Amino acid sequence: MMDTLRDIARTSRDDGKDMRSNLAGNIDRERSWATSQEIKDTFYYQLRPHVRAFTKSENARFQHNLLRKPKQVQDYDKLNFSFATDPWINYQKANEFNPIHAHNGNYSSVLYIDVPEVIAKENDEALTNITCRGQIEFIFGTDQLGVNGTHKIVPKTGDILLFDAKLKHCVYPFRSNTERISMSFNVGNINFDE
């Protein structure tokens, strides 16, 4: 999948439509994916097992923990999905960020195509109590005694994050003179048809 993502990022850098007016990010280069239908189809089929596994896990969690019912049987091999919005590529540079926001659709995702290691090292070298340089943070509640209402991740090349589209999140800036490339998308319709 990483080769497919690198191909998409390479062609979209110059050929993709400027997406900044549609997105929350304070990032100078956010582009729609611009690639052949063949590569789009390849990406969809490479992504499909991940969306299936996430959907299966979410359905099991919902039915067991929230409904207290036995798990309903679904044939997850038949799961198909559509994108709520076309994927877009983020070419993030130093001091650029995404403020707290959520998305449309059922699920959202970030796929990290190229994350220079120097970004992760910034947190190790920071002289602050709470470091968050270059991290993605998910906000799912308020802090209470013994419970933190957020979760931060230091992304690495190859990471795939799938999460509920309504889950608020933000992306913190990094300071290194480098570029991080990621792809984001929203999953819309999910069905179990052949």
C-alpha atoms as a PDB file:
ATOM      1  CA  MET A   1       0.000   0.000   0.000  1.00  0.00           C
ATOM      2  CA  MET A   2       2.868   2.413   0.734  1.00  0.00           C
ATOM      3  CA  ASP A   3       4.050   2.328  -2.891  1.00  0.00           C
ATOM      4  CA  THR A   4       0.525   3.198  -4.037  1.00  0.00           C
ATOM      5  CA  LEU A   5       0.341   6.059  -1.524  1.00  0.00           C
ATOM      6  CA  ARG A   6       3.726   7.431  -2.602  1.00  0.00           C
ATOM      7  CA  ASP A   7       2.566   7.369  -6.244  1.00  0.00           C
ATOM      8  CA  ILE A   8      -0.608   9.251  -5.312  1.00  0.00           C
ATOM      9  CA  ALA A   9       1.343  11.834  -3.274  1.00  0.00           C
ATOM     10  CA  ARG A  10       3.850  12.352  -6.082  1.00  0.00           C
ATOM     11  CA  THR A  11       1.220  13.026  -8.776  1.00  0.00           C
ATOM     12  CA  SER A  12      -1.095  15.026  -6.509  1.00  0.00           C
ATOM     13  CA  ARG A  13       1.576  17.497  -5.349  1.00  0.00           C
ATOM     14  CA  ASP A  14       1.309  19.536  -8.554  1.00  0.00           C
ATOM     15  CA  ASP A  15      -1.754  18.092 -10.309  1.00  0.00           C
ATOM     16  CA  GLY A  16      -4.181  17.963  -7.364  1.00  0.00           C
ATOM     17  CA  LYS A  17      -6.787  20.660  -6.823  1.00  0.00           C
ATOM     18  CA  ASP A  18      -6.118  23.108  -3.967  1.00  0.00           C
ATOM     19  CA  MET A  19      -8.345  21.901  -1.091  1.00  0.00           C
ATOM     20  CA  ARG A  20      -7.564  24.574   1.510  1.00  0.00           C
ATOM     21  CA  SER A  21     -10.925  26.335   1.233  1.00  0.00           C
ATOM     22  CA  ASN A  22     -12.703  23.043   2.079  1.00  0.00           C
ATOM     23  CA  LEU A  23     -10.517  21.995   5.017  1.00  0.00           C
ATOM     24  CA  ALA A  24      -9.767  23.136   8.566  1.00  0.00           C
ATOM     25  CA  GLY A  25      -6.006  22.976   8.192  1.00  0.00           C
ATOM     26  CA  ASN A  26      -3.557  25.827   8.375  1.00  0.00           C
ATOM     27  CA  ILE A  27      -1.374  24.046   5.839  1.00  0.00           C
ATOM     28  CA  ASP A  28      -0.185  25.739   2.636  1.00  0.00           C
ATOM     29  CA  ARG A  29      -0.388  22.640   0.450  1.00  0.00           C
ATOM     30  CA  GLU A  30      -3.475  20.421   0.788  1.00  0.00           C
ATOM     31  CA  ARG A  31      -4.319  18.792  -2.541  1.00  0.00           C
ATOM     32  CA  SER A  32      -7.053  16.504  -3.844  1.00  0.00           C
ATOM     33  CA  TRP A  33      -5.773  13.181  -5.073  1.00  0.00           C
ATOM     34  CA  ALA A  34      -4.872  13.360  -8.747  1.00  0.00           C
ATOM     35  CA  THR A  35      -4.137   9.927 -10.093  1.00  0.00           C
ATOM     36  CA  SER A  36      -5.364   7.360 -12.594  1.00  0.00           C
ATOM     37  CA  GLN A  37      -8.519   5.337 -12.036  1.00  0.00           C
ATOM     38  CA  GLU A  38      -6.352   2.217 -11.940  1.00  0.00           C
ATOM     39  CA  ILE A  39      -4.343   3.527  -8.967  1.00  0.00           C
ATOM     40  CA  LYS A  40      -7.546   4.726  -7.249  1.00  0.00           C
ATOM     41  CA  ASP A  41      -8.988   1.206  -7.612  1.00  0.00           C
ATOM     42  CA  THR A  42      -5.762  -0.353  -6.320  1.00  0.00           C
ATOM     43  CA  PHE A  43      -5.830   1.934  -3.281  1.00  0.00           C
ATOM     44  CA  TYR A  44      -9.485   1.102  -2.570  1.00  0.00           C
ATOM     45  CA  TYR A  45      -8.810  -2.654  -2.609  1.00  0.00           C
ATOM     46  CA  GLN A  46      -5.690  -2.265  -0.455  1.00  0.00           C
ATOM     47  CA  LEU A  47      -7.630  -0.129   2.024  1.00  0.00           C
ATOM     48  CA  ARG A  48     -10.739  -2.313   2.134  1.00  0.00           C
ATOM     49  CA  PRO A  49      -9.409  -4.932   4.633  1.00  0.00           C
ATOM     50  CA  HIS A  50      -8.547  -2.141   7.085  1.00  0.00           C
ATOM     51  CA  VAL A  51     -12.024  -0.585   6.839  1.00  0.00           C
ATOM     52  CA  ARG A  52     -13.583  -4.043   7.214  1.00  0.00           C
ATOM     53  CA  ALA A  53     -11.556  -4.839  10.343  1.00  0.00           C
ATOM     54  CA  PHE A  54     -12.339  -1.454  11.882  1.00  0.00           C
ATOM     55  CA  THR A  55     -16.060  -1.769  11.108  1.00  0.00           C
ATOM     56  CA  LYS A  56     -16.161  -5.259  12.597  1.00  0.00           C
ATOM     57  CA  SER A  57     -14.417  -4.054  15.753  1.00  0.00           C
ATOM     58  CA  GLU A  58     -16.659  -0.995  16.101  1.00  0.00           C
ATOM     59  CA  ASN A  59     -19.821  -3.046  15.579  1.00  0.00           C
ATOM     60  CA  ALA A  60     -18.739  -5.607  18.185  1.00  0.00           C
ATOM     61  CA  ARG A  61     -17.869  -2.861  20.686  1.00  0.00           C
ATOM     62  CA  PHE A  62     -21.168  -1.092  20.120  1.00  0.00           C
ATOM     63  CA  GLN A  63     -23.302  -4.215  20.404  1.00  0.00           C
ATOM     64  CA  HIS A  64     -21.512  -5.672  23.416  1.00  0.00           C
ATOM     65  CA  ASN A  65     -20.704  -2.585  25.467  1.00  0.00           C
ATOM     66  CA  LEU A  66     -23.582  -0.285  24.643  1.00  0.00           C
ATOM     67  CA  LEU A  67     -26.517  -2.482  23.682  1.00  0.00           C
ATOM     68  CA  ARG A  68     -25.580  -5.461  25.856  1.00  0.00           C
ATOM     69  CA  LYS A  69     -26.817  -7.732  23.097  1.00  0.00           C
ATOM     70  CA  PRO A  70     -25.130 -10.682  21.484  1.00  0.00           C
ATOM     71  CA  LYS A  71     -23.158  -9.732  18.429  1.00  0.00           C
ATOM     72  CA  GLN A  72     -25.228  -9.766  15.256  1.00  0.00           C
ATOM     73  CA  VAL A  73     -23.652 -11.762  12.475  1.00  0.00           C
ATOM     74  CA  GLN A  74     -22.512  -9.786   9.441  1.00  0.00           C
ATOM     75  CA  ASP A  75     -20.490 -11.116   6.543  1.00  0.00           C
ATOM     76  CA  TYR A  76     -17.635  -8.623   6.669  1.00  0.00           C
ATOM     77  CA  ASP A  77     -16.126 -10.133   3.510  1.00  0.00           C
ATOM     78  CA  LYS A  78     -19.036  -8.494   1.666  1.00  0.00           C
ATOM     79  CA  LEU A  79     -18.424  -5.053   3.174  1.00  0.00           C
ATOM     80  CA  ASN A  80     -18.059  -2.249   0.667  1.00  0.00           C
ATOM     81  CA  PHE A  81     -17.769   1.463   1.291  1.00  0.00           C
ATOM     82  CA  SER A  82     -17.662   4.729  -0.541  1.00  0.00           C
ATOM     83  CA  PHE A  83     -15.696   7.856   0.201  1.00  0.00           C
ATOM     84  CA  ALA A  84     -17.805  10.676   1.681  1.00  0.00           C
ATOM     85  CA  THR A  85     -15.246  13.031   0.162  1.00  0.00           C
ATOM     86  CA  ASP A  86     -12.375  12.341  -2.185  1.00  0.00           C
ATOM     87  CA  PRO A  87      -9.116  11.714  -0.344  1.00  0.00           C
ATOM     88  CA  TRP A  88      -6.694  14.613  -0.028  1.00  0.00           C
ATOM     89  CA  ILE A  89      -2.957  14.866   0.544  1.00  0.00           C
ATOM     90  CA  ASN A  90      -1.425  17.055   3.268  1.00  0.00           C
ATOM     91  CA  TYR A  91       2.099  18.338   2.630  1.00  0.00           C
ATOM     92  CA  GLN A  92       2.763  19.757   6.107  1.00  0.00           C
ATOM     93  CA  LYS A  93       5.771  21.970   6.798  1.00  0.00           C
ATOM     94  CA  ALA A  94       7.185  23.531   9.963  1.00  0.00           C
ATOM     95  CA  ASN A  95       4.710  25.548  12.073  1.00  0.00           C
ATOM     96  CA  GLU A  96       1.664  24.413  10.062  1.00  0.00           C
ATOM     97  CA  PHE A  97      -1.201  22.746  11.944  1.00  0.00           C
ATOM     98  CA  ASN A  98      -4.835  21.611  12.006  1.00  0.00           C
ATOM     99  CA  PRO A  99      -7.023  23.152  14.732  1.00  0.00           C
ATOM    100  CA  ILE A 100      -9.598  21.079  16.616  1.00  0.00           C
ATOM    101  CA  HIS A 101     -12.174  19.758  14.160  1.00  0.00           C
ATOM    102  CA  ALA A 102     -14.297  16.748  13.174  1.00  0.00           C
ATOM    103  CA  HIS A 103     -15.409  15.328   9.815  1.00  0.00           C
ATOM    104  CA  ASN A 104     -18.453  14.186   7.849  1.00  0.00           C
ATOM    105  CA  GLY A 105     -19.203  10.549   7.151  1.00  0.00           C
ATOM    106  CA  ASN A 106     -18.917   7.425   9.285  1.00  0.00           C
ATOM    107  CA  TYR A 107     -15.152   7.145   9.680  1.00  0.00           C
ATOM    108  CA  SER A 108     -12.153   9.334   9.032  1.00  0.00           C
ATOM    109  CA  SER A 109      -8.613   8.282   8.414  1.00  0.00           C
ATOM    110  CA  VAL A 110      -5.067   9.543   8.228  1.00  0.00           C
ATOM    111  CA  LEU A 111      -2.427   7.507   6.419  1.00  0.00           C
ATOM    112  CA  TYR A 112       1.133   8.663   7.046  1.00  0.00           C
ATOM    113  CA  ILE A 113       3.106   8.441   3.799  1.00  0.00           C
ATOM    114  CA  ASP A 114       6.356  10.118   4.848  1.00  0.00           C
ATOM    115  CA  VAL A 115       7.144  11.162   8.422  1.00  0.00           C
ATOM    116  CA  PRO A 116      10.763  12.239   8.876  1.00  0.00           C
ATOM    117  CA  GLU A 117      12.161  10.842  12.146  1.00  0.00           C
ATOM    118  CA  VAL A 118      13.399  14.287  13.154  1.00  0.00           C
ATOM    119  CA  ILE A 119       9.781  15.249  13.955  1.00  0.00           C
ATOM    120  CA  ALA A 120       9.407  12.516  16.603  1.00  0.00           C
ATOM    121  CA  LYS A 121      12.760  13.506  18.103  1.00  0.00           C
ATOM    122  CA  GLU A 122      11.484  17.034  18.718  1.00  0.00           C
ATOM    123  CA  ASN A 123       9.362  15.711  21.601  1.00  0.00           C
ATOM    124  CA  ASP A 124      12.372  14.032  23.213  1.00  0.00           C
ATOM    125  CA  GLU A 125      14.349  17.259  23.076  1.00  0.00           C
ATOM    126  CA  ALA A 126      11.559  19.636  24.159  1.00  0.00           C
ATOM    127  CA  LEU A 127      12.030  21.471  27.443  1.00  0.00           C
ATOM    128  CA  THR A 128       8.332  21.549  28.280  1.00  0.00           C
ATOM    129  CA  ASN A 129       6.213  19.521  30.660  1.00  0.00           C
ATOM    130  CA  ILE A 130       3.690  18.374  28.039  1.00  0.00           C
ATOM    131  CA  THR A 131       5.174  17.886  24.602  1.00  0.00           C
ATOM    132  CA  CYS A 132       3.010  17.561  21.534  1.00  0.00           C
ATOM    133  CA  ARG A 133       5.132  18.657  18.565  1.00  0.00           C
ATOM    134  CA  GLY A 134       3.952  17.021  15.361  1.00  0.00           C
ATOM    135  CA  GLN A 135       1.429  14.846  17.185  1.00  0.00           C
ATOM    136  CA  ILE A 136      -2.208  14.147  16.408  1.00  0.00           C
ATOM    137  CA  GLU A 137      -4.485  14.469  19.430  1.00  0.00           C
ATOM    138  CA  PHE A 138      -7.952  12.967  19.811  1.00  0.00           C
ATOM    139  CA  ILE A 139     -10.391  14.684  22.183  1.00  0.00           C
ATOM    140  CA  PHE A 140     -13.090  12.362  23.506  1.00  0.00           C
ATOM    141  CA  GLY A 141     -14.102  13.881  26.827  1.00  0.00           C
ATOM    142  CA  THR A 142     -13.100  16.153  29.641  1.00  0.00           C
ATOM    143  CA  ASP A 143     -10.299  15.384  32.044  1.00  0.00           C
ATOM    144  CA  GLN A 144     -11.596  13.954  35.302  1.00  0.00           C
ATOM    145  CA  LEU A 145      -9.930  12.498  38.340  1.00  0.00           C
ATOM    146  CA  GLY A 146      -7.721   9.703  37.056  1.00  0.00           C
ATOM    147  CA  VAL A 147      -9.013   9.924  33.473  1.00  0.00           C
ATOM    148  CA  ASN A 148      -7.483  11.918  30.651  1.00  0.00           C
ATOM    149  CA  GLY A 149     -10.024  13.039  28.044  1.00  0.00           C
ATOM    150  CA  THR A 150      -7.502  13.073  25.208  1.00  0.00           C
ATOM    151  CA  HIS A 151      -5.075  10.726  23.503  1.00  0.00           C
ATOM    152  CA  LYS A 152      -1.956  11.837  21.602  1.00  0.00           C
ATOM    153  CA  ILE A 153      -0.068   9.836  18.978  1.00  0.00           C
ATOM    154  CA  VAL A 154       3.378  10.483  17.526  1.00  0.00           C
ATOM    155  CA  PRO A 155       2.823   9.226  13.969  1.00  0.00           C
ATOM    156  CA  LYS A 156       5.336   7.194  11.983  1.00  0.00           C
ATOM    157  CA  THR A 157       5.634   6.449   8.284  1.00  0.00           C
ATOM    158  CA  GLY A 158       3.181   3.677   7.417  1.00  0.00           C
ATOM    159  CA  ASP A 159       0.727   4.359  10.266  1.00  0.00           C
ATOM    160  CA  ILE A 160      -2.955   4.095   9.365  1.00  0.00           C
ATOM    161  CA  LEU A 161      -5.376   5.729  11.792  1.00  0.00           C
ATOM    162  CA  LEU A 162      -9.095   4.996  11.376  1.00  0.00           C
ATOM    163  CA  PHE A 163     -11.514   6.674  13.774  1.00  0.00           C
ATOM    164  CA  ASP A 164     -15.110   7.827  14.136  1.00  0.00           C
ATOM    165  CA  ALA A 165     -15.576  10.877  11.905  1.00  0.00           C
ATOM    166  CA  LYS A 166     -17.264  12.805  14.732  1.00  0.00           C
ATOM    167  CA  LEU A 167     -14.270  12.361  17.056  1.00  0.00           C
ATOM    168  CA  LYS A 168     -12.682  15.776  17.504  1.00  0.00           C
ATOM    169  CA  HIS A 169      -8.967  15.922  16.838  1.00  0.00           C
ATOM    170  CA  CYS A 170      -6.150  18.313  16.031  1.00  0.00           C
ATOM    171  CA  VAL A 171      -2.667  18.172  14.553  1.00  0.00           C
ATOM    172  CA  TYR A 172       0.106  20.071  16.290  1.00  0.00           C
ATOM    173  CA  PRO A 173       2.889  21.883  14.445  1.00  0.00           C
ATOM    174  CA  PHE A 174       6.476  20.716  14.390  1.00  0.00           C
ATOM    175  CA  ARG A 175       9.522  22.999  14.099  1.00  0.00           C
ATOM    176  CA  SER A 176      11.990  21.061  11.968  1.00  0.00           C
ATOM    177  CA  ASN A 177      12.737  22.319   8.471  1.00  0.00           C
ATOM    178  CA  THR A 178      11.168  19.288   6.787  1.00  0.00           C
ATOM    179  CA  GLU A 179       7.908  18.074   5.264  1.00  0.00           C
ATOM    180  CA  ARG A 180       5.465  15.434   6.499  1.00  0.00           C
ATOM    181  CA  ILE A 181       3.146  13.865   3.921  1.00  0.00           C
ATOM    182  CA  SER A 182      -0.156  12.254   4.864  1.00  0.00           C
ATOM    183  CA  MET A 183      -3.401  11.332   3.142  1.00  0.00           C
ATOM    184  CA  SER A 184      -6.808  11.852   4.720  1.00  0.00           C
ATOM    185  CA  PHE A 185     -10.261  10.703   3.721  1.00  0.00           C
ATOM    186  CA  ASN A 186     -13.765  10.177   5.067  1.00  0.00           C
ATOM    187  CA  VAL A 187     -15.729   6.951   4.652  1.00  0.00           C
ATOM    188  CA  GLY A 188     -19.355   7.581   3.745  1.00  0.00           C
ATOM    189  CA  ASN A 189     -21.764   4.803   2.922  1.00  0.00           C
ATOM    190  CA  ILE A 190     -21.006   1.314   4.284  1.00  0.00           C
ATOM    191  CA  ASN A 191     -22.948  -1.672   2.991  1.00  0.00           C
ATOM    192  CA  PHE A 192     -22.767  -5.452   2.982  1.00  0.00           C
ATOM    193  CA  ASP A 193     -23.801  -6.062  -0.625  1.00  0.00           C
ATOM    194  CA  GLU A 194     -21.749  -8.195  -2.960  1.00  0.00           C
END
